């Protein structure tokens, strides 16, 4: 029936959006692990997710004077500033092929050499890099850092 097809379409769209959300915060191997393991087996098998990375580059950006600023203005102003700034940085992440690891308060963390800089071929899923050019990874993170200051 038409109603049944609409329900299937809605569920499919919902599943795709959930996968997209997971893909923005987890690497592909972690998503696959969670999809394949039973809920009860995850705690005992979670060590399979561990990876060793060598020759990677990490950048930690922190706003100087943020705590003083945040105390002096309304919370909505703080959130607007962080959202605007971090949205600009998110665009630079794609431009320079680095991986956004995390944001925590006013700290923005990116890496080079952990995740594939181009994930489009894999439907947007993050691919953990097994082997990479260390100099290229460091250069991309450095160019990203310089662009953050502009």
C-alpha atoms as a PDB file:
ATOM      1  CA  UNK A   1       0.000   0.000   0.000  1.00  0.00           C
ATOM      2  CA  UNK A   2       1.001   3.648  -0.377  1.00  0.00           C
ATOM      3  CA  UNK A   3       1.104   4.173   3.376  1.00  0.00           C
ATOM      4  CA  UNK A   4       3.431   1.180   3.788  1.00  0.00           C
ATOM      5  CA  UNK A   5       5.787   2.584   1.126  1.00  0.00           C
ATOM      6  CA  UNK A   6       5.779   5.988   2.838  1.00  0.00           C
ATOM      7  CA  UNK A   7       6.678   4.374   6.161  1.00  0.00           C
ATOM      8  CA  UNK A   8       9.516   2.408   4.520  1.00  0.00           C
ATOM      9  CA  UNK A   9      10.800   5.569   2.839  1.00  0.00           C
ATOM     10  CA  UNK A  10      10.699   7.492   6.129  1.00  0.00           C
ATOM     11  CA  UNK A  11      12.527   4.700   7.973  1.00  0.00           C
ATOM     12  CA  UNK A  12      15.151   4.508   5.238  1.00  0.00           C
ATOM     13  CA  UNK A  13      15.728   8.274   5.404  1.00  0.00           C
ATOM     14  CA  UNK A  14      15.982   8.079   9.198  1.00  0.00           C
ATOM     15  CA  UNK A  15      18.533   5.241   9.013  1.00  0.00           C
ATOM     16  CA  UNK A  16      20.619   7.188   6.491  1.00  0.00           C
ATOM     17  CA  UNK A  17      20.625  10.305   8.668  1.00  0.00           C
ATOM     18  CA  UNK A  18      21.633   8.251  11.729  1.00  0.00           C
ATOM     19  CA  UNK A  19      24.484   6.659   9.765  1.00  0.00           C
ATOM     20  CA  UNK A  20      25.575  10.105   8.590  1.00  0.00           C
ATOM     21  CA  UNK A  21      25.580  11.357  12.188  1.00  0.00           C
ATOM     22  CA  UNK A  22      27.583   8.352  13.401  1.00  0.00           C
ATOM     23  CA  UNK A  23      30.004   8.779  10.496  1.00  0.00           C
ATOM     24  CA  UNK A  24      30.695  12.347  11.549  1.00  0.00           C
ATOM     25  CA  UNK A  25      31.893  11.230  14.986  1.00  0.00           C
ATOM     26  CA  UNK A  26      33.156   7.651  14.590  1.00  0.00           C
ATOM     27  CA  UNK A  27      35.510   5.915  12.176  1.00  0.00           C
ATOM     28  CA  UNK A  28      34.092   3.327   9.793  1.00  0.00           C
ATOM     29  CA  UNK A  29      35.626   0.339  11.592  1.00  0.00           C
ATOM     30  CA  UNK A  30      33.881   1.352  14.844  1.00  0.00           C
ATOM     31  CA  UNK A  31      30.504   1.682  13.116  1.00  0.00           C
ATOM     32  CA  UNK A  32      30.949  -1.699  11.446  1.00  0.00           C
ATOM     33  CA  UNK A  33      31.932  -3.248  14.783  1.00  0.00           C
ATOM     34  CA  UNK A  34      28.836  -1.886  16.502  1.00  0.00           C
ATOM     35  CA  UNK A  35      26.605  -3.014  13.630  1.00  0.00           C
ATOM     36  CA  UNK A  36      27.990  -6.569  13.630  1.00  0.00           C
ATOM     37  CA  UNK A  37      28.327  -7.257  17.355  1.00  0.00           C
ATOM     38  CA  UNK A  38      25.417  -8.091  19.589  1.00  0.00           C
ATOM     39  CA  UNK A  39      24.764  -5.557  22.330  1.00  0.00           C
ATOM     40  CA  UNK A  40      25.868  -8.048  24.977  1.00  0.00           C
ATOM     41  CA  UNK A  41      29.167  -8.800  23.192  1.00  0.00           C
ATOM     42  CA  UNK A  42      30.292  -5.176  22.762  1.00  0.00           C
ATOM     43  CA  UNK A  43      31.815  -4.666  26.258  1.00  0.00           C
ATOM     44  CA  UNK A  44      33.939  -7.822  26.086  1.00  0.00           C
ATOM     45  CA  UNK A  45      35.064  -7.289  22.464  1.00  0.00           C
ATOM     46  CA  UNK A  46      35.548  -3.524  22.434  1.00  0.00           C
ATOM     47  CA  UNK A  47      39.368  -3.903  22.563  1.00  0.00           C
ATOM     48  CA  UNK A  48      39.192  -4.931  18.875  1.00  0.00           C
ATOM     49  CA  UNK A  49      38.628  -1.238  18.088  1.00  0.00           C
ATOM     50  CA  UNK A  50      42.033  -0.132  19.393  1.00  0.00           C
ATOM     51  CA  UNK A  51      44.496   1.139  16.794  1.00  0.00           C
ATOM     52  CA  UNK A  52      48.110   2.259  17.043  1.00  0.00           C
ATOM     53  CA  UNK A  53      49.046   5.380  15.088  1.00  0.00           C
ATOM     54  CA  UNK A  54      52.616   6.494  14.434  1.00  0.00           C
ATOM     55  CA  UNK A  55      53.895   9.694  12.902  1.00  0.00           C
ATOM     56  CA  UNK A  56      50.645  11.588  13.306  1.00  0.00           C
ATOM     57  CA  UNK A  57      50.191  15.307  13.887  1.00  0.00           C
ATOM     58  CA  UNK A  58      47.738  16.768  16.413  1.00  0.00           C
ATOM     59  CA  UNK A  59      46.698  20.407  16.749  1.00  0.00           C
ATOM     60  CA  UNK A  60      45.021  21.759  19.872  1.00  0.00           C
ATOM     61  CA  UNK A  61      43.547  25.262  19.423  1.00  0.00           C
ATOM     62  CA  UNK A  62      42.489  27.135  22.523  1.00  0.00           C
ATOM     63  CA  UNK A  63      41.144  30.714  22.659  1.00  0.00           C
ATOM     64  CA  UNK A  64      43.357  32.947  24.813  1.00  0.00           C
ATOM     65  CA  UNK A  65      41.267  34.800  27.382  1.00  0.00           C
ATOM     66  CA  UNK A  66      38.158  32.719  26.729  1.00  0.00           C
ATOM     67  CA  UNK A  67      37.263  32.137  30.385  1.00  0.00           C
ATOM     68  CA  UNK A  68      37.401  35.863  31.168  1.00  0.00           C
ATOM     69  CA  UNK A  69      35.367  36.632  28.030  1.00  0.00           C
ATOM     70  CA  UNK A  70      32.781  33.949  28.815  1.00  0.00           C
ATOM     71  CA  UNK A  71      32.250  35.355  32.310  1.00  0.00           C
ATOM     72  CA  UNK A  72      31.763  38.890  30.979  1.00  0.00           C
ATOM     73  CA  UNK A  73      29.069  38.230  28.350  1.00  0.00           C
ATOM     74  CA  UNK A  74      25.752  36.425  28.124  1.00  0.00           C
ATOM     75  CA  UNK A  75      25.887  32.658  27.453  1.00  0.00           C
ATOM     76  CA  UNK A  76      24.111  33.112  24.112  1.00  0.00           C
ATOM     77  CA  UNK A  77      26.958  35.379  22.953  1.00  0.00           C
ATOM     78  CA  UNK A  78      29.520  32.736  23.938  1.00  0.00           C
ATOM     79  CA  UNK A  79      27.636  30.071  22.008  1.00  0.00           C
ATOM     80  CA  UNK A  80      27.254  32.332  18.963  1.00  0.00           C
ATOM     81  CA  UNK A  81      30.985  33.076  18.952  1.00  0.00           C
ATOM     82  CA  UNK A  82      31.971  29.411  19.276  1.00  0.00           C
ATOM     83  CA  UNK A  83      29.436  28.296  16.663  1.00  0.00           C
ATOM     84  CA  UNK A  84      30.609  30.924  14.169  1.00  0.00           C
ATOM     85  CA  UNK A  85      34.295  30.241  14.772  1.00  0.00           C
ATOM     86  CA  UNK A  86      34.022  26.458  14.786  1.00  0.00           C
ATOM     87  CA  UNK A  87      31.826  26.490  11.659  1.00  0.00           C
ATOM     88  CA  UNK A  88      34.609  28.382   9.872  1.00  0.00           C
ATOM     89  CA  UNK A  89      37.132  25.836  11.125  1.00  0.00           C
ATOM     90  CA  UNK A  90      34.896  22.972   9.930  1.00  0.00           C
ATOM     91  CA  UNK A  91      35.099  24.379   6.391  1.00  0.00           C
ATOM     92  CA  UNK A  92      38.897  24.526   6.691  1.00  0.00           C
ATOM     93  CA  UNK A  93      38.975  20.881   7.837  1.00  0.00           C
ATOM     94  CA  UNK A  94      37.583  19.839   4.458  1.00  0.00           C
ATOM     95  CA  UNK A  95      39.756  22.296   2.546  1.00  0.00           C
ATOM     96  CA  UNK A  96      43.026  21.042   4.072  1.00  0.00           C
ATOM     97  CA  UNK A  97      42.120  17.356   4.420  1.00  0.00           C
ATOM     98  CA  UNK A  98      42.602  17.109   8.167  1.00  0.00           C
ATOM     99  CA  UNK A  99      40.335  15.295  10.622  1.00  0.00           C
ATOM    100  CA  UNK A 100      38.311  17.106  13.288  1.00  0.00           C
ATOM    101  CA  UNK A 101      38.846  15.014  16.389  1.00  0.00           C
ATOM    102  CA  UNK A 102      36.841  16.936  18.972  1.00  0.00           C
ATOM    103  CA  UNK A 103      35.693  20.247  20.338  1.00  0.00           C
ATOM    104  CA  UNK A 104      35.618  20.739  24.081  1.00  0.00           C
ATOM    105  CA  UNK A 105      34.612  24.162  25.336  1.00  0.00           C
ATOM    106  CA  UNK A 106      36.815  26.562  23.409  1.00  0.00           C
ATOM    107  CA  UNK A 107      39.305  23.858  22.382  1.00  0.00           C
ATOM    108  CA  UNK A 108      39.261  22.638  18.768  1.00  0.00           C
ATOM    109  CA  UNK A 109      41.330  19.514  18.039  1.00  0.00           C
ATOM    110  CA  UNK A 110      42.382  18.245  14.593  1.00  0.00           C
ATOM    111  CA  UNK A 111      44.684  15.477  13.400  1.00  0.00           C
ATOM    112  CA  UNK A 112      46.668  14.573  10.339  1.00  0.00           C
ATOM    113  CA  UNK A 113      47.612  10.983   9.590  1.00  0.00           C
ATOM    114  CA  UNK A 114      44.842   9.197  11.500  1.00  0.00           C
ATOM    115  CA  UNK A 115      41.816   9.457   9.232  1.00  0.00           C
ATOM    116  CA  UNK A 116      41.723   9.540   5.445  1.00  0.00           C
ATOM    117  CA  UNK A 117      41.646  13.130   4.164  1.00  0.00           C
ATOM    118  CA  UNK A 118      39.134  12.212   1.446  1.00  0.00           C
ATOM    119  CA  UNK A 119      36.174  10.158   2.599  1.00  0.00           C
ATOM    120  CA  UNK A 120      33.800  10.884  -0.308  1.00  0.00           C
ATOM    121  CA  UNK A 121      34.664   7.652  -2.138  1.00  0.00           C
ATOM    122  CA  UNK A 122      33.439   5.720   0.885  1.00  0.00           C
ATOM    123  CA  UNK A 123      30.100   7.466   1.208  1.00  0.00           C
ATOM    124  CA  UNK A 124      31.427   9.897   3.795  1.00  0.00           C
ATOM    125  CA  UNK A 125      32.573   7.219   6.246  1.00  0.00           C
ATOM    126  CA  UNK A 126      35.844   7.846   8.050  1.00  0.00           C
ATOM    127  CA  UNK A 127      38.640   5.498   7.029  1.00  0.00           C
ATOM    128  CA  UNK A 128      41.481   4.913   9.483  1.00  0.00           C
ATOM    129  CA  UNK A 129      44.798   5.407   7.713  1.00  0.00           C
ATOM    130  CA  UNK A 130      47.158   2.448   8.067  1.00  0.00           C
ATOM    131  CA  UNK A 131      50.081   4.035   6.215  1.00  0.00           C
ATOM    132  CA  UNK A 132      50.582   7.686   5.298  1.00  0.00           C
ATOM    133  CA  UNK A 133      53.132  10.310   4.345  1.00  0.00           C
ATOM    134  CA  UNK A 134      54.089  11.855   7.707  1.00  0.00           C
ATOM    135  CA  UNK A 135      55.418  15.026   6.089  1.00  0.00           C
ATOM    136  CA  UNK A 136      52.226  15.505   4.093  1.00  0.00           C
ATOM    137  CA  UNK A 137      50.068  15.006   7.199  1.00  0.00           C
ATOM    138  CA  UNK A 138      52.111  17.516   9.203  1.00  0.00           C
ATOM    139  CA  UNK A 139      52.049  20.005   6.330  1.00  0.00           C
ATOM    140  CA  UNK A 140      48.262  19.782   6.004  1.00  0.00           C
ATOM    141  CA  UNK A 141      47.821  20.390   9.745  1.00  0.00           C
ATOM    142  CA  UNK A 142      50.275  23.320   9.638  1.00  0.00           C
ATOM    143  CA  UNK A 143      48.498  24.884   6.648  1.00  0.00           C
ATOM    144  CA  UNK A 144      45.192  24.407   8.482  1.00  0.00           C
ATOM    145  CA  UNK A 145      46.641  26.136  11.557  1.00  0.00           C
ATOM    146  CA  UNK A 146      47.865  29.101   9.497  1.00  0.00           C
ATOM    147  CA  UNK A 147      44.442  29.424   7.847  1.00  0.00           C
ATOM    148  CA  UNK A 148      42.798  29.453  11.302  1.00  0.00           C
ATOM    149  CA  UNK A 149      44.708  32.643  12.079  1.00  0.00           C
ATOM    150  CA  UNK A 150      43.590  34.502   8.957  1.00  0.00           C
END
